[in-house]
Amino acid sequence: MGLATTSVSKATAGRTWQSLVGGARSPAAGRSKIWLDGKRPITLDRSAKQIGAPQAWRQGLTGAGVTVAVLDSGYDATHPDLKDVVTRSRNFSDEPDVTDGIGHGTHVASIVAGAGERYRGVAPGAKIALGKVGGEYASESAILAGMEWAAAEVEAKIINMSIGGPDTPGIDPLEHAVNTLSARTGALFVIAAGNDGAPGSVSSPGSADAALTVGAVDGSDRMAEFSSRGPRLGDHAIKPEVTAPGVGIMAAAAQGTADGPYVGQHRRSDRPPRLRGRIALPAGWFLQRREPRWPRRSRPASQASDSRTAVPVR
């Protein structure tokens, strides 16, 4: 991706900075930009019935043969709905292992491909490669490492990221990674639009050109009030491209994060922003394509056929 990360102690920060910029106001030769390693909040999906998944299942379209990478807060390996579903995992965070301490990654993985009878994932035949990139927050360097792993090593053709932070004009490292890895590997990054609600509030890296960015609707197909709207900051490009259910979704709960094995995630105004996580996962690709490829020219037809809620958001 043409990126490099490093850790610097406070004691050596001054000397390191001098070595990078040489006393100038811009980076030394060979370095186009320098970014601080920021933190991004982990930012769920709803009823399979609402997006027409049961009809697809009856046609034998379950996502079998597809590996979906989920970059999130880890997962609960003891949950029965995820047994034999998560086939690969790796920890990129500062935490000791892939255990999900906040419940978000478990919930997301269950929505994608959970094997439960009552709360079945939208693509119950798919397998998951789970990359833990953080807890309540994820460092950008951990996210970048997880993205490279998912696209290049796992070779997942669908990569879900319910992660976002404020967008800025220009291309930041996460946006660069989405664009570069998509072009290099053919992976489709499906990324939540964000939870800020206001026009022009789509978060990064969902703001990347190559990302399929997803807003949220409620059970009545109305735009969720918290869901970030377009257009994209800077050039006013249309984002998000599609919407899908993202309010009040029941799915697997990680051990110690809820009173039972399942929990319904829904927005409450008194919750901190980092816990208002939402993803709206367009399940059509999992269900309809066993070996997906994602040229940009194919998106309009795909968007039109995902579900009755997957409409462009202006």
C-alpha atoms as a PDB file:
ATOM      1  CA  MET A   1       0.000   0.000   0.000  1.00  0.00           C
ATOM      2  CA  GLY A   2       3.033   2.259   0.174  1.00  0.00           C
ATOM      3  CA  LEU A   3       2.499   2.939   3.877  1.00  0.00           C
ATOM      4  CA  ALA A   4       4.676   2.382   6.944  1.00  0.00           C
ATOM      5  CA  THR A   5       3.885   2.637  10.657  1.00  0.00           C
ATOM      6  CA  THR A   6       6.122   3.110  13.662  1.00  0.00           C
ATOM      7  CA  SER A   7       5.851   3.678  17.408  1.00  0.00           C
ATOM      8  CA  VAL A   8       7.785   6.482  19.073  1.00  0.00           C
ATOM      9  CA  SER A   9       8.217   7.083  22.805  1.00  0.00           C
ATOM     10  CA  LYS A  10       7.597  10.526  24.249  1.00  0.00           C
ATOM     11  CA  ALA A  11      11.264  10.741  25.209  1.00  0.00           C
ATOM     12  CA  THR A  12      12.419  10.391  21.606  1.00  0.00           C
ATOM     13  CA  ALA A  13       9.536  12.181  19.880  1.00  0.00           C
ATOM     14  CA  GLY A  14      11.512  15.365  19.268  1.00  0.00           C
ATOM     15  CA  ARG A  15      14.515  13.634  17.725  1.00  0.00           C
ATOM     16  CA  THR A  16      12.290  11.428  15.604  1.00  0.00           C
ATOM     17  CA  TRP A  17      10.377  14.419  14.297  1.00  0.00           C
ATOM     18  CA  GLN A  18      13.618  16.156  13.357  1.00  0.00           C
ATOM     19  CA  SER A  19      14.794  13.071  11.484  1.00  0.00           C
ATOM     20  CA  LEU A  20      11.535  12.993   9.524  1.00  0.00           C
ATOM     21  CA  VAL A  21      11.295  16.656   8.569  1.00  0.00           C
ATOM     22  CA  GLY A  22      14.831  17.942   9.048  1.00  0.00           C
ATOM     23  CA  GLY A  23      13.638  21.191  10.569  1.00  0.00           C
ATOM     24  CA  ALA A  24      11.445  22.029   7.576  1.00  0.00           C
ATOM     25  CA  ARG A  25       7.675  22.499   7.502  1.00  0.00           C
ATOM     26  CA  SER A  26       7.197  19.507   5.207  1.00  0.00           C
ATOM     27  CA  PRO A  27       8.453  15.882   5.263  1.00  0.00           C
ATOM     28  CA  ALA A  28      11.949  15.065   4.088  1.00  0.00           C
ATOM     29  CA  ALA A  29      12.524  13.595   0.640  1.00  0.00           C
ATOM     30  CA  GLY A  30      10.897  10.210   0.098  1.00  0.00           C
ATOM     31  CA  ARG A  31       7.989  10.884   2.438  1.00  0.00           C
ATOM     32  CA  SER A  32       4.916  12.483   0.913  1.00  0.00           C
ATOM     33  CA  LYS A  33       2.827  12.706   4.094  1.00  0.00           C
ATOM     34  CA  ILE A  34       3.065  11.955   7.806  1.00  0.00           C
ATOM     35  CA  TRP A  35      -0.045  11.051   9.816  1.00  0.00           C
ATOM     36  CA  LEU A  36      -0.506  10.518  13.526  1.00  0.00           C
ATOM     37  CA  ASP A  37      -1.864   7.061  14.351  1.00  0.00           C
ATOM     38  CA  GLY A  38      -5.448   8.091  15.098  1.00  0.00           C
ATOM     39  CA  LYS A  39      -8.142   6.008  16.746  1.00  0.00           C
ATOM     40  CA  ARG A  40     -11.456   5.058  15.094  1.00  0.00           C
ATOM     41  CA  PRO A  41     -14.593   3.968  16.961  1.00  0.00           C
ATOM     42  CA  ILE A  42     -15.960   0.551  16.116  1.00  0.00           C
ATOM     43  CA  THR A  43     -19.283   1.642  14.515  1.00  0.00           C
ATOM     44  CA  LEU A  44     -24.904  -3.533  13.027  1.00  0.00           C
ATOM     45  CA  ASP A  45     -27.615  -5.258  10.583  1.00  0.00           C
ATOM     46  CA  ARG A  46     -31.147  -6.242  10.777  1.00  0.00           C
ATOM     47  CA  SER A  47     -33.765  -8.673   9.716  1.00  0.00           C
ATOM     48  CA  ALA A  48     -32.978 -11.165   7.021  1.00  0.00           C
ATOM     49  CA  LYS A  49     -36.666 -11.195   6.179  1.00  0.00           C
ATOM     50  CA  GLN A  50     -36.707  -7.480   5.419  1.00  0.00           C
ATOM     51  CA  ILE A  51     -34.054  -7.831   2.718  1.00  0.00           C
ATOM     52  CA  GLY A  52     -35.610 -10.938   1.187  1.00  0.00           C
ATOM     53  CA  ALA A  53     -32.973 -13.404   2.373  1.00  0.00           C
ATOM     54  CA  PRO A  54     -35.397 -16.308   3.062  1.00  0.00           C
ATOM     55  CA  GLN A  55     -36.455 -16.332  -0.602  1.00  0.00           C
ATOM     56  CA  ALA A  56     -32.802 -16.584  -1.597  1.00  0.00           C
ATOM     57  CA  TRP A  57     -32.216 -19.384   0.893  1.00  0.00           C
ATOM     58  CA  ARG A  58     -35.081 -21.359  -0.639  1.00  0.00           C
ATOM     59  CA  GLN A  59     -33.271 -21.126  -3.973  1.00  0.00           C
ATOM     60  CA  GLY A  60     -30.165 -22.595  -2.378  1.00  0.00           C
ATOM     61  CA  LEU A  61     -28.332 -19.267  -2.207  1.00  0.00           C
ATOM     62  CA  THR A  62     -26.761 -19.226   1.246  1.00  0.00           C
ATOM     63  CA  GLY A  63     -23.311 -17.793   0.637  1.00  0.00           C
ATOM     64  CA  ALA A  64     -21.739 -21.258   0.572  1.00  0.00           C
ATOM     65  CA  GLY A  65     -18.192 -21.109  -0.729  1.00  0.00           C
ATOM     66  CA  VAL A  66     -17.736 -17.441   0.187  1.00  0.00           C
ATOM     67  CA  THR A  67     -15.339 -16.194   2.859  1.00  0.00           C
ATOM     68  CA  VAL A  68     -16.287 -12.866   4.404  1.00  0.00           C
ATOM     69  CA  ALA A  69     -13.657 -10.994   6.381  1.00  0.00           C
ATOM     70  CA  VAL A  70     -14.944  -9.060   9.380  1.00  0.00           C
ATOM     71  CA  LEU A  71     -12.639  -6.451  10.910  1.00  0.00           C
ATOM     72  CA  ASP A  72     -14.031  -5.596  14.318  1.00  0.00           C
ATOM     73  CA  SER A  73     -13.680  -6.080  18.086  1.00  0.00           C
ATOM     74  CA  GLY A  74     -13.053  -9.843  18.058  1.00  0.00           C
ATOM     75  CA  TYR A  75     -15.587 -12.607  18.682  1.00  0.00           C
ATOM     76  CA  ASP A  76     -16.877 -15.061  21.272  1.00  0.00           C
ATOM     77  CA  ALA A  77     -15.473 -18.412  20.169  1.00  0.00           C
ATOM     78  CA  THR A  78     -17.764 -20.218  22.637  1.00  0.00           C
ATOM     79  CA  HIS A  79     -21.021 -18.967  21.118  1.00  0.00           C
ATOM     80  CA  PRO A  80     -22.818 -21.889  19.404  1.00  0.00           C
ATOM     81  CA  ASP A  81     -23.981 -19.716  16.500  1.00  0.00           C
ATOM     82  CA  LEU A  82     -20.356 -19.091  15.514  1.00  0.00           C
ATOM     83  CA  LYS A  83     -19.034 -22.627  15.961  1.00  0.00           C
ATOM     84  CA  ASP A  84     -17.404 -23.750  12.693  1.00  0.00           C
ATOM     85  CA  VAL A  85     -18.374 -20.388  11.155  1.00  0.00           C
ATOM     86  CA  VAL A  86     -15.225 -18.429  12.030  1.00  0.00           C
ATOM     87  CA  THR A  87     -12.537 -20.450  10.284  1.00  0.00           C
ATOM     88  CA  ARG A  88      -9.649 -17.982  10.614  1.00  0.00           C
ATOM     89  CA  SER A  89      -8.860 -15.256  13.094  1.00  0.00           C
ATOM     90  CA  ARG A  90      -6.017 -12.916  13.916  1.00  0.00           C
ATOM     91  CA  ASN A  91      -5.444 -10.279  16.550  1.00  0.00           C
ATOM     92  CA  PHE A  92      -4.095  -6.907  15.390  1.00  0.00           C
ATOM     93  CA  SER A  93      -5.066  -5.003  18.519  1.00  0.00           C
ATOM     94  CA  ASP A  94      -3.116  -4.234  21.684  1.00  0.00           C
ATOM     95  CA  GLU A  95      -5.354  -6.669  23.591  1.00  0.00           C
ATOM     96  CA  PRO A  96      -4.034 -10.163  24.368  1.00  0.00           C
ATOM     97  CA  ASP A  97      -6.259 -12.236  22.055  1.00  0.00           C
ATOM     98  CA  VAL A  98      -9.307 -12.200  19.755  1.00  0.00           C
ATOM     99  CA  THR A  99     -11.816 -12.435  22.622  1.00  0.00           C
ATOM    100  CA  ASP A 100     -14.619  -9.894  22.183  1.00  0.00           C
ATOM    101  CA  GLY A 101     -14.851  -7.766  25.312  1.00  0.00           C
ATOM    102  CA  ILE A 102     -17.574  -5.397  24.095  1.00  0.00           C
ATOM    103  CA  GLY A 103     -19.805  -7.684  22.026  1.00  0.00           C
ATOM    104  CA  HIS A 104     -19.690  -5.751  18.774  1.00  0.00           C
ATOM    105  CA  GLY A 105     -17.651  -8.144  16.641  1.00  0.00           C
ATOM    106  CA  THR A 106     -19.647 -11.153  17.866  1.00  0.00           C
ATOM    107  CA  HIS A 107     -22.878  -9.393  16.943  1.00  0.00           C
ATOM    108  CA  VAL A 108     -21.599  -8.456  13.484  1.00  0.00           C
ATOM    109  CA  ALA A 109     -20.226 -11.943  12.747  1.00  0.00           C
ATOM    110  CA  SER A 110     -23.562 -13.451  13.781  1.00  0.00           C
ATOM    111  CA  ILE A 111     -25.450 -11.098  11.457  1.00  0.00           C
ATOM    112  CA  VAL A 112     -23.237 -12.065   8.541  1.00  0.00           C
ATOM    113  CA  ALA A 113     -23.191 -15.847   8.878  1.00  0.00           C
ATOM    114  CA  GLY A 114     -24.541 -16.975  12.255  1.00  0.00           C
ATOM    115  CA  ALA A 115     -25.696 -20.608  12.295  1.00  0.00           C
ATOM    116  CA  GLY A 116     -28.487 -20.204  14.858  1.00  0.00           C
ATOM    117  CA  GLU A 117     -31.980 -21.460  14.105  1.00  0.00           C
ATOM    118  CA  ARG A 118     -33.800 -18.530  15.668  1.00  0.00           C
ATOM    119  CA  TYR A 119     -31.435 -15.704  14.733  1.00  0.00           C
ATOM    120  CA  ARG A 120     -29.855 -16.910  11.533  1.00  0.00           C
ATOM    121  CA  GLY A 121     -27.218 -14.903   9.704  1.00  0.00           C
ATOM    122  CA  VAL A 122     -28.094 -13.452   6.317  1.00  0.00           C
ATOM    123  CA  ALA A 123     -25.508 -15.719   4.650  1.00  0.00           C
ATOM    124  CA  PRO A 124     -25.581 -18.848   6.823  1.00  0.00           C
ATOM    125  CA  GLY A 125     -23.470 -20.840   4.388  1.00  0.00           C
ATOM    126  CA  ALA A 126     -20.590 -18.374   4.357  1.00  0.00           C
ATOM    127  CA  LYS A 127     -17.429 -18.649   6.440  1.00  0.00           C
ATOM    128  CA  ILE A 128     -15.816 -15.803   8.344  1.00  0.00           C
ATOM    129  CA  ALA A 129     -12.236 -14.660   8.738  1.00  0.00           C
ATOM    130  CA  LEU A 130     -12.257 -12.465  11.837  1.00  0.00           C
ATOM    131  CA  GLY A 131      -9.626  -9.805  12.324  1.00  0.00           C
ATOM    132  CA  LYS A 132      -9.651  -8.103  15.715  1.00  0.00           C
ATOM    133  CA  VAL A 133      -8.501  -4.525  15.248  1.00  0.00           C
ATOM    134  CA  GLY A 134      -9.506  -3.055  18.608  1.00  0.00           C
ATOM    135  CA  GLY A 135     -12.012  -2.874  21.437  1.00  0.00           C
ATOM    136  CA  GLU A 136     -14.188   0.187  21.807  1.00  0.00           C
ATOM    137  CA  TYR A 137     -11.680   1.986  19.613  1.00  0.00           C
ATOM    138  CA  ALA A 138      -9.235   0.728  17.001  1.00  0.00           C
ATOM    139  CA  SER A 139      -5.939   2.310  16.026  1.00  0.00           C
ATOM    140  CA  GLU A 140      -5.566   3.160  12.373  1.00  0.00           C
ATOM    141  CA  SER A 141      -2.359   1.120  12.174  1.00  0.00           C
ATOM    142  CA  ALA A 142      -4.220  -1.966  13.463  1.00  0.00           C
ATOM    143  CA  ILE A 143      -7.028  -1.371  10.964  1.00  0.00           C
ATOM    144  CA  LEU A 144      -4.537  -1.047   8.109  1.00  0.00           C
ATOM    145  CA  ALA A 145      -2.817  -4.290   9.120  1.00  0.00           C
ATOM    146  CA  GLY A 146      -6.184  -6.046   9.297  1.00  0.00           C
ATOM    147  CA  MET A 147      -7.189  -4.757   5.867  1.00  0.00           C
ATOM    148  CA  GLU A 148      -3.960  -6.025   4.291  1.00  0.00           C
ATOM    149  CA  TRP A 149      -4.404  -9.426   5.973  1.00  0.00           C
ATOM    150  CA  ALA A 150      -8.040  -9.780   4.900  1.00  0.00           C
ATOM    151  CA  ALA A 151      -7.496  -8.772   1.283  1.00  0.00           C
ATOM    152  CA  ALA A 152      -4.035 -10.144   0.518  1.00  0.00           C
ATOM    153  CA  GLU A 153      -3.537 -13.136   2.843  1.00  0.00           C
ATOM    154  CA  VAL A 154      -7.072 -14.418   3.419  1.00  0.00           C
ATOM    155  CA  GLU A 155      -8.019 -13.311  -0.114  1.00  0.00           C
ATOM    156  CA  ALA A 156     -11.530 -12.520   1.059  1.00  0.00           C
ATOM    157  CA  LYS A 157     -13.565 -10.925  -1.697  1.00  0.00           C
ATOM    158  CA  ILE A 158     -15.933  -9.271   0.773  1.00  0.00           C
ATOM    159  CA  ILE A 159     -14.546  -7.322   3.731  1.00  0.00           C
ATOM    160  CA  ASN A 160     -16.920  -5.809   6.273  1.00  0.00           C
ATOM    161  CA  MET A 161     -15.839  -2.826   8.353  1.00  0.00           C
ATOM    162  CA  SER A 162     -18.165  -1.215  10.881  1.00  0.00           C
ATOM    163  CA  ILE A 163     -15.528   1.379  11.649  1.00  0.00           C
ATOM    164  CA  GLY A 164     -15.362   5.065  10.929  1.00  0.00           C
ATOM    165  CA  GLY A 165     -14.076   8.462  11.872  1.00  0.00           C
ATOM    166  CA  PRO A 166     -14.487  12.028  10.645  1.00  0.00           C
ATOM    167  CA  ASP A 167     -13.783  12.490   6.965  1.00  0.00           C
ATOM    168  CA  THR A 168     -11.561  15.267   5.667  1.00  0.00           C
ATOM    169  CA  PRO A 169     -11.026  16.639   2.160  1.00  0.00           C
ATOM    170  CA  GLY A 170      -8.388  14.615   0.379  1.00  0.00           C
ATOM    171  CA  ILE A 171      -7.439  10.970   0.867  1.00  0.00           C
ATOM    172  CA  ASP A 172      -6.434   9.700   4.297  1.00  0.00           C
ATOM    173  CA  PRO A 173      -4.487   6.445   4.928  1.00  0.00           C
ATOM    174  CA  LEU A 174      -7.582   4.273   5.409  1.00  0.00           C
ATOM    175  CA  GLU A 175      -9.230   5.608   2.257  1.00  0.00           C
ATOM    176  CA  HIS A 176      -5.964   5.026   0.395  1.00  0.00           C
ATOM    177  CA  ALA A 177      -5.875   1.438   1.668  1.00  0.00           C
ATOM    178  CA  VAL A 178      -9.462   0.746   0.548  1.00  0.00           C
ATOM    179  CA  ASN A 179      -8.753   2.070  -2.942  1.00  0.00           C
ATOM    180  CA  THR A 180      -5.365   0.371  -3.283  1.00  0.00           C
ATOM    181  CA  LEU A 181      -6.377  -3.042  -1.946  1.00  0.00           C
ATOM    182  CA  SER A 182      -9.594  -3.058  -3.968  1.00  0.00           C
ATOM    183  CA  ALA A 183      -7.662  -2.407  -7.170  1.00  0.00           C
ATOM    184  CA  ARG A 184      -4.918  -4.890  -6.327  1.00  0.00           C
ATOM    185  CA  THR A 185      -6.986  -7.829  -5.052  1.00  0.00           C
ATOM    186  CA  GLY A 186     -10.531  -7.322  -6.330  1.00  0.00           C
ATOM    187  CA  ALA A 187     -11.897  -7.266  -2.785  1.00  0.00           C
ATOM    188  CA  LEU A 188     -15.075  -5.328  -2.070  1.00  0.00           C
ATOM    189  CA  PHE A 189     -14.933  -3.300   1.137  1.00  0.00           C
ATOM    190  CA  VAL A 190     -18.445  -2.967   2.582  1.00  0.00           C
ATOM    191  CA  ILE A 191     -18.263  -0.120   5.080  1.00  0.00           C
ATOM    192  CA  ALA A 192     -20.791   1.546   7.372  1.00  0.00           C
ATOM    193  CA  ALA A 193     -21.652   5.132   6.442  1.00  0.00           C
ATOM    194  CA  GLY A 194     -21.488   6.284  10.061  1.00  0.00           C
ATOM    195  CA  ASN A 195     -23.782   7.417  12.839  1.00  0.00           C
ATOM    196  CA  ASP A 196     -23.731  11.196  12.622  1.00  0.00           C
ATOM    197  CA  GLY A 197     -27.090  11.736  10.916  1.00  0.00           C
ATOM    198  CA  ALA A 198     -26.434  15.109   9.337  1.00  0.00           C
ATOM    199  CA  PRO A 199     -26.029  15.783   5.604  1.00  0.00           C
ATOM    200  CA  GLY A 200     -22.424  15.505   4.465  1.00  0.00           C
ATOM    201  CA  SER A 201     -21.435  13.360   7.439  1.00  0.00           C
ATOM    202  CA  VAL A 202     -20.346  10.081   5.789  1.00  0.00           C
ATOM    203  CA  SER A 203     -17.330   8.847   7.735  1.00  0.00           C
ATOM    204  CA  SER A 204     -13.935   7.603   6.606  1.00  0.00           C
ATOM    205  CA  PRO A 205     -13.077   5.031   5.272  1.00  0.00           C
ATOM    206  CA  GLY A 206     -16.611   4.638   3.904  1.00  0.00           C
ATOM    207  CA  SER A 207     -15.857   7.840   2.026  1.00  0.00           C
ATOM    208  CA  ALA A 208     -13.275   6.052  -0.153  1.00  0.00           C
ATOM    209  CA  ASP A 209     -14.036   5.859  -3.875  1.00  0.00           C
ATOM    210  CA  ALA A 210     -13.803   2.055  -3.948  1.00  0.00           C
ATOM    211  CA  ALA A 211     -15.879   1.424  -0.809  1.00  0.00           C
ATOM    212  CA  LEU A 212     -19.452   0.203  -1.001  1.00  0.00           C
ATOM    213  CA  THR A 213     -20.825   2.491   1.678  1.00  0.00           C
ATOM    214  CA  VAL A 214     -24.024   1.521   3.452  1.00  0.00           C
ATOM    215  CA  GLY A 215     -26.541   3.676   5.283  1.00  0.00           C
ATOM    216  CA  ALA A 216     -29.209   2.361   7.649  1.00  0.00           C
ATOM    217  CA  VAL A 217     -33.004   2.156   7.467  1.00  0.00           C
ATOM    218  CA  ASP A 218     -35.457   1.054  10.138  1.00  0.00           C
ATOM    219  CA  GLY A 219     -37.970  -1.790  10.013  1.00  0.00           C
ATOM    220  CA  SER A 220     -40.336   0.357   7.940  1.00  0.00           C
ATOM    221  CA  ASP A 221     -37.662   1.189   5.367  1.00  0.00           C
ATOM    222  CA  ARG A 222     -37.353   4.747   6.620  1.00  0.00           C
ATOM    223  CA  MET A 223     -33.914   6.294   6.823  1.00  0.00           C
ATOM    224  CA  ALA A 224     -32.622   5.860  10.374  1.00  0.00           C
ATOM    225  CA  GLU A 225     -32.254   9.258  12.006  1.00  0.00           C
ATOM    226  CA  PHE A 226     -28.705   8.451  13.160  1.00  0.00           C
ATOM    227  CA  SER A 227     -27.475   7.200   9.779  1.00  0.00           C
ATOM    228  CA  SER A 228     -24.877   9.426   8.137  1.00  0.00           C
ATOM    229  CA  ARG A 229     -25.985  11.103   4.928  1.00  0.00           C
ATOM    230  CA  GLY A 230     -24.151  12.275   1.832  1.00  0.00           C
ATOM    231  CA  PRO A 231     -22.865  13.898  -0.163  1.00  0.00           C
ATOM    232  CA  ARG A 232     -19.200  13.160   0.462  1.00  0.00           C
ATOM    233  CA  LEU A 233     -17.177  15.930   1.996  1.00  0.00           C
ATOM    234  CA  GLY A 234     -15.133  17.922  -0.483  1.00  0.00           C
ATOM    235  CA  ASP A 235     -16.286  16.846  -3.949  1.00  0.00           C
ATOM    236  CA  HIS A 236     -19.971  16.170  -3.103  1.00  0.00           C
ATOM    237  CA  ALA A 237     -19.875  12.667  -4.601  1.00  0.00           C
ATOM    238  CA  ILE A 238     -22.884  10.472  -3.817  1.00  0.00           C
ATOM    239  CA  LYS A 239     -22.333   8.464  -0.648  1.00  0.00           C
ATOM    240  CA  PRO A 240     -23.591   6.132   0.718  1.00  0.00           C
ATOM    241  CA  GLU A 241     -24.413   4.050  -2.349  1.00  0.00           C
ATOM    242  CA  VAL A 242     -26.992   1.787  -0.700  1.00  0.00           C
ATOM    243  CA  THR A 243     -29.046   1.373   2.445  1.00  0.00           C
ATOM    244  CA  ALA A 244     -30.079  -1.733   4.368  1.00  0.00           C
ATOM    245  CA  PRO A 245     -31.752  -2.516   7.720  1.00  0.00           C
ATOM    246  CA  GLY A 246     -29.720  -1.250  10.658  1.00  0.00           C
ATOM    247  CA  VAL A 247     -32.045  -0.630  13.615  1.00  0.00           C
ATOM    248  CA  GLY A 248     -32.983  -2.980  16.468  1.00  0.00           C
ATOM    249  CA  ILE A 249     -31.217  -6.080  15.182  1.00  0.00           C
ATOM    250  CA  MET A 250     -31.189  -9.241  17.293  1.00  0.00           C
ATOM    251  CA  ALA A 251     -28.039 -11.350  17.027  1.00  0.00           C
ATOM    252  CA  ALA A 252     -25.449 -13.213  19.092  1.00  0.00           C
ATOM    253  CA  ALA A 253     -24.111 -11.648  22.276  1.00  0.00           C
ATOM    254  CA  ALA A 254     -20.564 -12.155  23.497  1.00  0.00           C
ATOM    255  CA  GLN A 255     -20.182 -13.777  26.890  1.00  0.00           C
ATOM    256  CA  GLY A 256     -20.302 -11.212  29.676  1.00  0.00           C
ATOM    257  CA  THR A 257     -21.735  -8.405  27.536  1.00  0.00           C
ATOM    258  CA  ALA A 258     -25.462  -9.194  27.836  1.00  0.00           C
ATOM    259  CA  ASP A 259     -27.909 -11.083  30.045  1.00  0.00           C
ATOM    260  CA  GLY A 260     -28.416 -13.883  27.536  1.00  0.00           C
ATOM    261  CA  PRO A 261     -26.989 -15.445  24.368  1.00  0.00           C
ATOM    262  CA  TYR A 262     -28.662 -12.837  22.125  1.00  0.00           C
ATOM    263  CA  VAL A 263     -29.028  -9.097  22.246  1.00  0.00           C
ATOM    264  CA  GLY A 264     -30.954  -6.524  20.250  1.00  0.00           C
ATOM    265  CA  GLN A 265     -28.756  -3.610  19.234  1.00  0.00           C
ATOM    266  CA  HIS A 266     -30.560  -0.322  18.898  1.00  0.00           C
ATOM    267  CA  ARG A 267     -29.631   3.317  19.197  1.00  0.00           C
ATOM    268  CA  ARG A 268     -30.328   5.235  22.377  1.00  0.00           C
ATOM    269  CA  SER A 269     -29.547   8.915  22.656  1.00  0.00           C
ATOM    270  CA  ASP A 270     -27.963   8.432  26.074  1.00  0.00           C
ATOM    271  CA  ARG A 271     -25.325   6.017  24.852  1.00  0.00           C
ATOM    272  CA  PRO A 272     -21.806   7.204  24.071  1.00  0.00           C
ATOM    273  CA  PRO A 273     -21.161   7.514  20.338  1.00  0.00           C
ATOM    274  CA  ARG A 274     -18.702   4.610  20.346  1.00  0.00           C
ATOM    275  CA  LEU A 275     -21.489   2.252  21.424  1.00  0.00           C
ATOM    276  CA  ARG A 276     -23.984   3.391  18.793  1.00  0.00           C
ATOM    277  CA  GLY A 277     -22.578   0.900  16.344  1.00  0.00           C
ATOM    278  CA  ARG A 278     -24.545   0.119  13.234  1.00  0.00           C
ATOM    279  CA  ILE A 279     -23.841  -1.801  10.117  1.00  0.00           C
ATOM    280  CA  ALA A 280     -26.188  -2.268   7.225  1.00  0.00           C
ATOM    281  CA  LEU A 281     -24.903  -5.261   5.385  1.00  0.00           C
ATOM    282  CA  PRO A 282     -26.211  -5.718   1.812  1.00  0.00           C
ATOM    283  CA  ALA A 283     -26.618  -9.479   1.907  1.00  0.00           C
ATOM    284  CA  GLY A 284     -27.383  -9.891  -1.770  1.00  0.00           C
ATOM    285  CA  TRP A 285     -23.743 -10.365  -2.717  1.00  0.00           C
ATOM    286  CA  PHE A 286     -23.236 -13.091  -0.134  1.00  0.00           C
ATOM    287  CA  LEU A 287     -26.345 -14.900  -1.313  1.00  0.00           C
ATOM    288  CA  GLN A 288     -26.212 -14.463  -5.074  1.00  0.00           C
ATOM    289  CA  ARG A 289     -22.524 -14.860  -5.983  1.00  0.00           C
ATOM    290  CA  ARG A 290     -20.223 -17.696  -5.054  1.00  0.00           C
ATOM    291  CA  GLU A 291     -17.070 -16.218  -6.598  1.00  0.00           C
ATOM    292  CA  PRO A 292     -17.735 -12.483  -6.552  1.00  0.00           C
ATOM    293  CA  ARG A 293     -15.832  -9.868  -8.506  1.00  0.00           C
ATOM    294  CA  TRP A 294     -16.522  -6.220  -8.081  1.00  0.00           C
ATOM    295  CA  PRO A 295     -15.707  -3.984 -11.068  1.00  0.00           C
ATOM    296  CA  ARG A 296     -17.149  -0.545 -10.441  1.00  0.00           C
ATOM    297  CA  ARG A 297     -19.175  -0.660 -13.641  1.00  0.00           C
ATOM    298  CA  SER A 298     -21.224  -3.573 -12.246  1.00  0.00           C
ATOM    299  CA  ARG A 299     -22.389  -1.724  -9.163  1.00  0.00           C
ATOM    300  CA  PRO A 300     -25.549  -0.011 -10.475  1.00  0.00           C
ATOM    301  CA  ALA A 301     -27.142  -3.348 -11.425  1.00  0.00           C
ATOM    302  CA  SER A 302     -25.993  -4.933  -8.175  1.00  0.00           C
ATOM    303  CA  GLN A 303     -27.374  -2.068  -6.130  1.00  0.00           C
ATOM    304  CA  ALA A 304     -30.710  -2.308  -7.890  1.00  0.00           C
ATOM    305  CA  SER A 305     -31.033  -6.020  -7.120  1.00  0.00           C
ATOM    306  CA  ASP A 306     -29.787  -6.261  -3.537  1.00  0.00           C
ATOM    307  CA  SER A 307     -33.096  -5.673  -1.782  1.00  0.00           C
ATOM    308  CA  ARG A 308     -36.000  -3.322  -1.802  1.00  0.00           C
ATOM    309  CA  THR A 309     -34.219  -1.188   0.806  1.00  0.00           C
ATOM    310  CA  ALA A 310     -30.943  -0.865  -1.073  1.00  0.00           C
ATOM    311  CA  VAL A 311     -31.577   2.482  -2.727  1.00  0.00           C
ATOM    312  CA  PRO A 312     -29.121   5.281  -3.441  1.00  0.00           C
ATOM    313  CA  VAL A 313     -28.984   7.924  -0.738  1.00  0.00           C
ATOM    314  CA  ARG A 314     -28.548  11.530  -1.856  1.00  0.00           C
END
